[in-house]
């Protein structure tokens, strides 16, 4: 009989990532029934003075370690990386690439959500600001203290968005 190290199907574990080259937010959430809870979160920082290849290696190593530790059934990423500064968009794209590589090596399916989808799912309007999104993350996860950075709050928001979309898709399939 084959066994899996992943959580049972009665729970759903999701890791969310707010991609960035200097600051990458990552968070793991679990949903059991209708209750979502925080498993872990962190901010991965690199410095502009470091060689790009070392920055990407650090992101890859830390993301892969986080994924291995939490064994999610899904990885949710922010999908829109449009910036006025092309160099920033390119570097964020590199960070996304190493996150996708880590997920691919661990056979974790990846889902992407745009900023407006996240805001709509959590706050009810695609025009919500970061403060409103962070407030809803704290409320939905029943957190008493603010998170360490808006990158971490965004990562958890993306994970919670996946839980919301997963629930809607599950209900649609039952009909």
Protein backbone atom coordinates (compact mmCIF):
# COMPACT_ATOMS: atom_id res chain seq x y z
CA UNK A 1 0.00 0.00 0.00
CA UNK A 2 1.29 3.46 -0.90
CA UNK A 3 1.29 6.09 1.81
CA UNK A 4 1.76 9.80 1.60
CA UNK A 5 3.43 12.27 3.92
CA UNK A 6 0.84 14.85 2.92
CA UNK A 7 -2.08 15.74 5.23
CA UNK A 8 -5.34 13.85 4.84
CA UNK A 9 -8.00 15.12 2.44
CA UNK A 10 -10.15 16.32 5.35
CA UNK A 11 -7.66 19.13 5.80
CA UNK A 12 -6.07 21.36 3.21
CA UNK A 13 -2.57 22.74 3.67
CA UNK A 14 -1.56 25.62 1.40
CA UNK A 15 1.61 27.67 1.19
CA UNK A 16 1.33 31.20 -0.17
CA UNK A 17 4.19 33.27 -1.55
CA UNK A 18 4.45 37.00 -2.11
CA UNK A 19 7.41 36.92 -4.51
CA UNK A 20 10.31 39.33 -4.37
CA UNK A 21 14.07 39.32 -4.71
CA UNK A 22 14.82 41.48 -1.65
CA UNK A 23 11.80 40.51 0.49
CA UNK A 24 9.84 37.33 -0.14
CA UNK A 25 6.91 36.57 2.13
CA UNK A 26 5.96 32.94 2.66
CA UNK A 27 3.25 31.45 4.82
CA UNK A 28 1.55 28.14 5.47
CA UNK A 29 -2.11 27.83 6.41
CA UNK A 30 -4.34 24.88 7.16
CA UNK A 31 -8.07 24.58 6.70
CA UNK A 32 -10.09 22.05 8.66
CA UNK A 33 -13.79 22.30 7.94
CA UNK A 34 -14.56 26.01 7.87
CA UNK A 35 -11.66 27.04 10.14
CA UNK A 36 -8.38 28.33 8.74
CA UNK A 37 -5.31 28.52 10.93
CA UNK A 38 -1.74 29.71 10.62
CA UNK A 39 0.93 27.01 10.58
CA UNK A 40 4.00 29.18 10.02
CA UNK A 41 5.23 32.23 8.17
CA UNK A 42 8.49 34.01 7.51
CA UNK A 43 10.15 36.76 5.57
CA UNK A 44 13.07 35.73 3.38
CA UNK A 45 15.43 38.66 2.88
CA UNK A 46 18.36 39.07 0.55
CA UNK A 47 20.59 42.08 0.10
CA UNK A 48 21.29 44.03 -3.06
CA UNK A 49 25.02 43.84 -2.31
CA UNK A 50 24.94 40.04 -2.77
CA UNK A 51 25.55 38.38 -6.13
CA UNK A 52 22.23 37.66 -7.90
CA UNK A 53 22.96 33.95 -8.16
CA UNK A 54 23.52 33.73 -4.39
CA UNK A 55 20.33 35.66 -3.69
CA UNK A 56 18.34 33.27 -5.88
CA UNK A 57 20.04 30.24 -4.34
CA UNK A 58 19.09 31.45 -0.87
CA UNK A 59 15.46 31.99 -1.93
CA UNK A 60 15.33 28.57 -3.58
CA UNK A 61 16.87 26.81 -0.57
CA UNK A 62 14.62 28.51 1.97
CA UNK A 63 11.44 28.06 -0.08
CA UNK A 64 12.19 24.40 -0.74
CA UNK A 65 12.93 23.82 2.95
CA UNK A 66 9.67 25.55 3.93
CA UNK A 67 7.72 23.44 1.42
CA UNK A 68 9.36 20.23 2.65
CA UNK A 69 8.57 21.13 6.26
CA UNK A 70 4.89 21.90 5.63
CA UNK A 71 4.05 19.40 2.85
CA UNK A 72 1.31 21.54 1.27
CA UNK A 73 -1.22 20.21 -1.19
CA UNK A 74 -0.89 23.48 -3.13
CA UNK A 75 1.38 26.47 -3.59
CA UNK A 76 -0.33 29.79 -4.29
CA UNK A 77 1.66 32.63 -5.88
CA UNK A 78 0.87 36.21 -6.75
CA UNK A 79 0.64 36.22 -10.54
CA UNK A 80 0.98 39.84 -11.56
CA UNK A 81 4.50 41.22 -11.62
CA UNK A 82 4.06 44.35 -13.70
CA UNK A 83 6.27 47.16 -12.53
CA UNK A 84 7.14 50.49 -14.03
CA UNK A 85 10.77 49.54 -13.47
CA UNK A 86 11.59 46.71 -15.85
CA UNK A 87 14.65 45.67 -13.85
CA UNK A 88 12.51 45.10 -10.73
CA UNK A 89 9.98 43.05 -12.72
CA UNK A 90 12.80 40.95 -14.17
CA UNK A 91 14.30 40.24 -10.73
CA UNK A 92 10.90 39.36 -9.25
CA UNK A 93 10.42 37.00 -12.20
CA UNK A 94 13.70 35.30 -11.32
CA UNK A 95 12.50 34.80 -7.74
CA UNK A 96 9.23 33.34 -9.03
CA UNK A 97 11.24 30.97 -11.22
CA UNK A 98 13.16 29.47 -8.31
CA UNK A 99 9.91 29.12 -6.32
CA UNK A 100 8.35 27.26 -9.25
CA UNK A 101 11.43 25.05 -9.47
CA UNK A 102 11.21 24.14 -5.78
CA UNK A 103 7.50 23.32 -6.10
CA UNK A 104 8.09 21.32 -9.27
CA UNK A 105 10.82 19.23 -7.68
CA UNK A 106 8.47 18.39 -4.81
CA UNK A 107 5.49 17.74 -7.14
CA UNK A 108 3.38 20.46 -5.53
CA UNK A 109 0.74 21.97 -7.83
CA UNK A 110 1.00 25.73 -8.28
CA UNK A 111 -1.91 28.17 -8.52
CA UNK A 112 -1.59 31.85 -9.34
CA UNK A 113 -3.83 34.70 -8.22
CA UNK A 114 -3.71 38.34 -9.21
CA UNK A 115 -3.82 41.15 -6.65
CA UNK A 116 -7.44 42.01 -7.46
CA UNK A 117 -8.51 38.36 -6.97
CA UNK A 118 -6.83 38.33 -3.55
CA UNK A 119 -8.46 41.60 -2.48
CA UNK A 120 -11.87 40.44 -3.74
CA UNK A 121 -11.61 37.07 -1.98
CA UNK A 122 -10.55 38.51 1.38
CA UNK A 123 -12.12 41.96 1.60
CA UNK A 124 -14.96 41.76 -0.92
CA UNK A 125 -13.62 44.46 -3.24
CA UNK A 126 -10.76 44.43 -5.69
CA UNK A 127 -9.90 47.99 -4.68
CA UNK A 128 -8.99 47.18 -1.05
CA UNK A 129 -5.74 48.56 0.32
CA UNK A 130 -2.93 46.68 2.08
CA UNK A 131 -4.20 47.66 5.53
CA UNK A 132 -7.62 46.15 4.82
CA UNK A 133 -6.07 42.95 3.43
CA UNK A 134 -3.75 42.61 6.45
CA UNK A 135 -6.71 43.16 8.80
CA UNK A 136 -8.69 40.37 7.10
CA UNK A 137 -5.70 38.02 7.22
CA UNK A 138 -5.44 38.57 10.98
CA UNK A 139 -9.21 38.16 11.40
CA UNK A 140 -9.51 35.00 9.28
CA UNK A 141 -6.53 33.36 11.01
CA UNK A 142 -7.59 34.64 14.45
CA UNK A 143 -4.23 36.34 15.04
CA UNK A 144 -3.87 38.72 17.96
CA UNK A 145 -0.67 40.48 16.84
CA UNK A 146 0.24 42.17 13.56
CA UNK A 147 2.43 40.19 11.18
CA UNK A 148 6.13 41.01 10.82
CA UNK A 149 5.77 42.59 7.37
CA UNK A 150 3.27 43.32 4.63
CA UNK A 151 5.09 40.73 2.48
CA UNK A 152 4.18 38.00 4.99
CA UNK A 153 0.60 39.33 5.23
CA UNK A 154 0.37 39.24 1.43
CA UNK A 155 1.71 35.66 1.32
CA UNK A 156 -0.93 34.54 3.82
CA UNK A 157 -3.59 36.47 1.89
CA UNK A 158 -2.64 34.56 -1.25
CA UNK A 159 -2.83 31.23 0.62
CA UNK A 160 -6.25 32.18 2.05
CA UNK A 161 -7.40 33.14 -1.44
CA UNK A 162 -6.55 29.65 -2.63
CA UNK A 163 -8.58 28.17 0.23
CA UNK A 164 -11.51 30.34 -0.83
CA UNK A 165 -11.24 29.35 -4.50
CA UNK A 166 -10.78 25.69 -3.54
CA UNK A 167 -13.98 25.82 -1.47
CA UNK A 168 -15.94 27.45 -4.32
CA UNK A 169 -14.62 24.88 -6.83
CA UNK A 170 -15.52 22.02 -4.46
CA UNK A 171 -19.08 23.31 -4.11
CA UNK A 172 -19.40 23.78 -7.89
CA UNK A 173 -18.31 20.18 -8.55
CA UNK A 174 -20.95 18.81 -6.13
CA UNK A 175 -23.80 20.42 -8.07
